């Protein structure tokens, strides 16, 4: 009487899972994040400023559209 087939399958699955975890850890360790680039920080600040300006322009456009959509007030 030997080891049941299902036990070999379970053992293989456990072994493959452990091996996959080792590979993932090694790959994550090998990926290096480059140091932050000062130019990238400056570009991000410019992007944030432009994003804020576009948001303000959208608000102004919405306001203008609401004013134009109003029916004209009767003259007195």
N, C-alpha and C. Protein backbone atom coordinates (compact mmCIF):
# COMPACT_ATOMS: atom_id res chain seq x y z
N UNK A 1 0.85 -1.17 0.00
CA UNK A 1 0.00 0.00 0.00
C UNK A 1 0.90 1.24 0.00
N UNK A 2 0.73 2.08 -1.03
CA UNK A 2 1.56 3.27 -1.16
C UNK A 2 0.81 4.52 -0.78
N UNK A 3 1.36 5.60 -1.21
CA UNK A 3 0.75 6.90 -0.94
C UNK A 3 -0.41 7.08 -1.92
N UNK A 4 -1.59 7.48 -1.42
CA UNK A 4 -2.73 7.66 -2.32
C UNK A 4 -2.47 8.76 -3.35
N UNK A 5 -3.09 8.62 -4.50
CA UNK A 5 -2.91 9.59 -5.57
C UNK A 5 -3.34 10.99 -5.16
N UNK A 6 -4.44 11.10 -4.42
CA UNK A 6 -4.91 12.41 -4.00
C UNK A 6 -3.90 13.10 -3.10
N UNK A 7 -3.16 12.32 -2.27
CA UNK A 7 -2.15 12.89 -1.37
C UNK A 7 -0.98 13.43 -2.19
N UNK A 8 -0.61 12.72 -3.25
CA UNK A 8 0.45 13.21 -4.12
C UNK A 8 0.02 14.51 -4.80
N UNK A 9 -1.24 14.58 -5.24
CA UNK A 9 -1.75 15.79 -5.87
C UNK A 9 -1.75 16.97 -4.92
N UNK A 10 -2.19 16.74 -3.69
CA UNK A 10 -2.19 17.81 -2.68
C UNK A 10 -0.77 18.26 -2.39
N UNK A 11 0.14 17.32 -2.28
CA UNK A 11 1.55 17.66 -2.02
C UNK A 11 2.13 18.48 -3.16
N UNK A 12 1.79 18.09 -4.40
CA UNK A 12 2.28 18.85 -5.56
C UNK A 12 1.73 20.27 -5.56
N UNK A 13 0.45 20.43 -5.24
CA UNK A 13 -0.16 21.76 -5.20
C UNK A 13 0.50 22.62 -4.13
N UNK A 14 0.76 22.07 -2.97
CA UNK A 14 1.43 22.82 -1.90
C UNK A 14 2.83 23.22 -2.33
N UNK A 15 3.55 22.28 -2.96
CA UNK A 15 4.91 22.57 -3.43
C UNK A 15 4.89 23.67 -4.50
N UNK A 16 3.94 23.59 -5.44
CA UNK A 16 3.86 24.58 -6.51
C UNK A 16 3.51 25.96 -5.94
N UNK A 17 2.64 26.00 -4.94
CA UNK A 17 2.29 27.28 -4.31
C UNK A 17 3.48 27.90 -3.61
N UNK A 18 4.24 27.09 -2.89
CA UNK A 18 5.43 27.60 -2.20
C UNK A 18 6.46 28.08 -3.21
N UNK A 19 6.64 27.34 -4.28
CA UNK A 19 7.59 27.73 -5.32
C UNK A 19 7.16 29.04 -5.97
N UNK A 20 5.88 29.20 -6.22
CA UNK A 20 5.37 30.44 -6.80
C UNK A 20 5.61 31.63 -5.88
N UNK A 21 5.44 31.43 -4.58
CA UNK A 21 5.70 32.51 -3.62
C UNK A 21 7.16 32.91 -3.64
N UNK A 22 8.05 31.94 -3.72
CA UNK A 22 9.49 32.24 -3.77
C UNK A 22 9.82 33.04 -5.03
N UNK A 23 9.25 32.65 -6.16
CA UNK A 23 9.49 33.37 -7.41
C UNK A 23 8.99 34.80 -7.31
N UNK A 24 7.82 34.99 -6.74
CA UNK A 24 7.26 36.34 -6.61
C UNK A 24 8.15 37.20 -5.71
N UNK A 25 8.61 36.65 -4.61
CA UNK A 25 9.48 37.41 -3.70
C UNK A 25 10.77 37.79 -4.40
N UNK A 26 11.35 36.88 -5.15
CA UNK A 26 12.60 37.17 -5.86
C UNK A 26 12.38 38.23 -6.94
N UNK A 27 11.26 38.15 -7.66
CA UNK A 27 10.98 39.15 -8.68
C UNK A 27 10.75 40.53 -8.08
N UNK A 28 10.05 40.58 -6.97
CA UNK A 28 9.80 41.88 -6.32
C UNK A 28 11.10 42.47 -5.81
N UNK A 29 12.00 41.63 -5.32
CA UNK A 29 13.28 42.12 -4.81
C UNK A 29 14.15 42.64 -5.95
N UNK A 30 14.00 42.07 -7.14
CA UNK A 30 14.84 42.49 -8.25
C UNK A 30 14.35 43.77 -8.92
N UNK A 31 13.09 44.12 -8.71
CA UNK A 31 12.54 45.34 -9.31
C UNK A 31 12.92 46.51 -8.42
N UNK A 32 13.70 47.38 -8.98
CA UNK A 32 14.16 48.55 -8.22
C UNK A 32 13.36 49.77 -8.65
N UNK A 33 12.91 50.53 -7.70
CA UNK A 33 12.20 51.77 -7.99
C UNK A 33 13.25 52.87 -8.08
N UNK A 34 13.31 53.56 -9.22
CA UNK A 34 14.33 54.60 -9.36
C UNK A 34 14.07 55.75 -8.39
N UNK A 35 15.12 56.45 -8.00
CA UNK A 35 14.91 57.60 -7.10
C UNK A 35 14.08 58.66 -7.80
N UNK A 36 13.34 59.43 -7.03
CA UNK A 36 12.48 60.45 -7.64
C UNK A 36 13.29 61.47 -8.42
N UNK A 37 12.80 61.80 -9.58
CA UNK A 37 13.45 62.76 -10.46
C UNK A 37 12.93 64.16 -10.12
N UNK A 38 13.82 65.12 -9.88
CA UNK A 38 13.34 66.48 -9.55
C UNK A 38 12.47 67.06 -10.67
N UNK A 39 12.78 66.74 -11.91
CA UNK A 39 11.97 67.24 -13.02
C UNK A 39 10.57 66.65 -12.99
N UNK A 40 10.47 65.39 -12.57
CA UNK A 40 9.16 64.75 -12.48
C UNK A 40 8.31 65.44 -11.41
N UNK A 41 8.92 65.82 -10.30
CA UNK A 41 8.19 66.51 -9.25
C UNK A 41 7.67 67.87 -9.76
N UNK A 42 8.51 68.54 -10.54
CA UNK A 42 8.11 69.83 -11.09
C UNK A 42 6.95 69.65 -12.08
N UNK A 43 7.04 68.60 -12.90
CA UNK A 43 5.96 68.32 -13.85
C UNK A 43 4.67 67.98 -13.12
N UNK A 44 4.78 67.25 -12.03
CA UNK A 44 3.58 66.89 -11.26
C UNK A 44 2.93 68.14 -10.68
N UNK A 45 3.75 69.08 -10.19
CA UNK A 45 3.20 70.32 -9.65
C UNK A 45 2.49 71.11 -10.76
N UNK A 46 3.10 71.16 -11.93
CA UNK A 46 2.48 71.86 -13.05
C UNK A 46 1.17 71.19 -13.44
N UNK A 47 1.18 69.88 -13.45
CA UNK A 47 -0.02 69.12 -13.78
C UNK A 47 -1.13 69.40 -12.77
N UNK A 48 -0.78 69.40 -11.49
CA UNK A 48 -1.77 69.67 -10.45
C UNK A 48 -2.34 71.08 -10.59
N UNK A 49 -1.47 72.06 -10.90
CA UNK A 49 -1.93 73.43 -11.08
C UNK A 49 -2.87 73.53 -12.28
N UNK A 50 -2.53 72.86 -13.37
CA UNK A 50 -3.39 72.88 -14.55
C UNK A 50 -4.72 72.19 -14.28
N UNK A 51 -4.67 71.12 -13.52
CA UNK A 51 -5.89 70.41 -13.18
C UNK A 51 -6.82 71.31 -12.35
N UNK A 52 -6.24 72.08 -11.44
CA UNK A 52 -7.04 72.99 -10.62
C UNK A 52 -7.65 74.09 -11.50
N UNK A 53 -6.86 74.62 -12.43
CA UNK A 53 -7.38 75.67 -13.31
C UNK A 53 -8.50 75.15 -14.19
N UNK A 54 -8.36 73.92 -14.69
CA UNK A 54 -9.42 73.34 -15.52
C UNK A 54 -10.69 73.17 -14.69
N UNK A 55 -10.54 72.76 -13.43
CA UNK A 55 -11.70 72.62 -12.55
C UNK A 55 -12.41 73.95 -12.36
N UNK A 56 -11.62 75.02 -12.16
CA UNK A 56 -12.23 76.34 -12.00
C UNK A 56 -12.92 76.79 -13.28
N UNK A 57 -12.32 76.50 -14.43
CA UNK A 57 -12.94 76.86 -15.70
C UNK A 57 -14.24 76.09 -15.91
N UNK A 58 -14.27 74.84 -15.51
CA UNK A 58 -15.51 74.06 -15.62
C UNK A 58 -16.62 74.67 -14.77
N UNK A 59 -16.26 75.13 -13.56
CA UNK A 59 -17.26 75.77 -12.71
C UNK A 59 -17.79 77.04 -13.35
N UNK A 60 -16.90 77.84 -13.93
CA UNK A 60 -17.33 79.07 -14.58
C UNK A 60 -18.22 78.78 -15.79
N UNK A 61 -17.85 77.76 -16.56
CA UNK A 61 -18.65 77.39 -17.72
C UNK A 61 -20.03 76.92 -17.29
N UNK A 62 -20.10 76.11 -16.24
CA UNK A 62 -21.40 75.67 -15.73
C UNK A 62 -22.26 76.85 -15.30
N UNK A 63 -21.64 77.82 -14.62
CA UNK A 63 -22.37 79.01 -14.18
C UNK A 63 -22.90 79.78 -15.38
N UNK A 64 -22.04 79.97 -16.40
CA UNK A 64 -22.46 80.71 -17.59
C UNK A 64 -23.59 79.97 -18.32
N UNK A 65 -23.50 78.66 -18.38
CA UNK A 65 -24.56 77.88 -19.04
C UNK A 65 -25.88 78.01 -18.28
N UNK A 66 -25.82 78.02 -16.97
CA UNK A 66 -27.06 78.18 -16.18
C UNK A 66 -27.66 79.55 -16.42
N UNK A 67 -26.81 80.58 -16.49
CA UNK A 67 -27.33 81.93 -16.75
C UNK A 67 -27.98 82.01 -18.12
N UNK A 68 -27.36 81.41 -19.12
CA UNK A 68 -27.91 81.46 -20.48
C UNK A 68 -29.17 80.61 -20.62
N UNK A 69 -29.31 79.59 -19.79
CA UNK A 69 -30.48 78.71 -19.89
C UNK A 69 -31.71 79.31 -19.22
N UNK A 70 -31.54 80.33 -18.39
CA UNK A 70 -32.67 80.97 -17.72
C UNK A 70 -33.56 81.67 -18.74
N UNK A 71 -34.86 81.61 -18.50
CA UNK A 71 -35.73 82.42 -19.39
C UNK A 71 -35.50 83.90 -19.07
N UNK A 72 -35.64 84.73 -20.07
CA UNK A 72 -35.42 86.17 -19.81
C UNK A 72 -36.46 86.71 -18.84
N UNK A 73 -36.00 87.60 -17.97
CA UNK A 73 -36.91 88.22 -17.02
C UNK A 73 -37.72 89.31 -17.72
N UNK A 74 -38.97 89.44 -17.36
CA UNK A 74 -39.79 90.49 -18.01
C UNK A 74 -39.27 91.87 -17.62
N UNK A 75 -39.37 92.76 -18.59
CA UNK A 75 -38.90 94.15 -18.35
C UNK A 75 -39.93 94.88 -17.51
N UNK A 76 -39.50 95.80 -16.71
CA UNK A 76 -40.41 96.57 -15.85
C UNK A 76 -40.69 97.91 -16.40
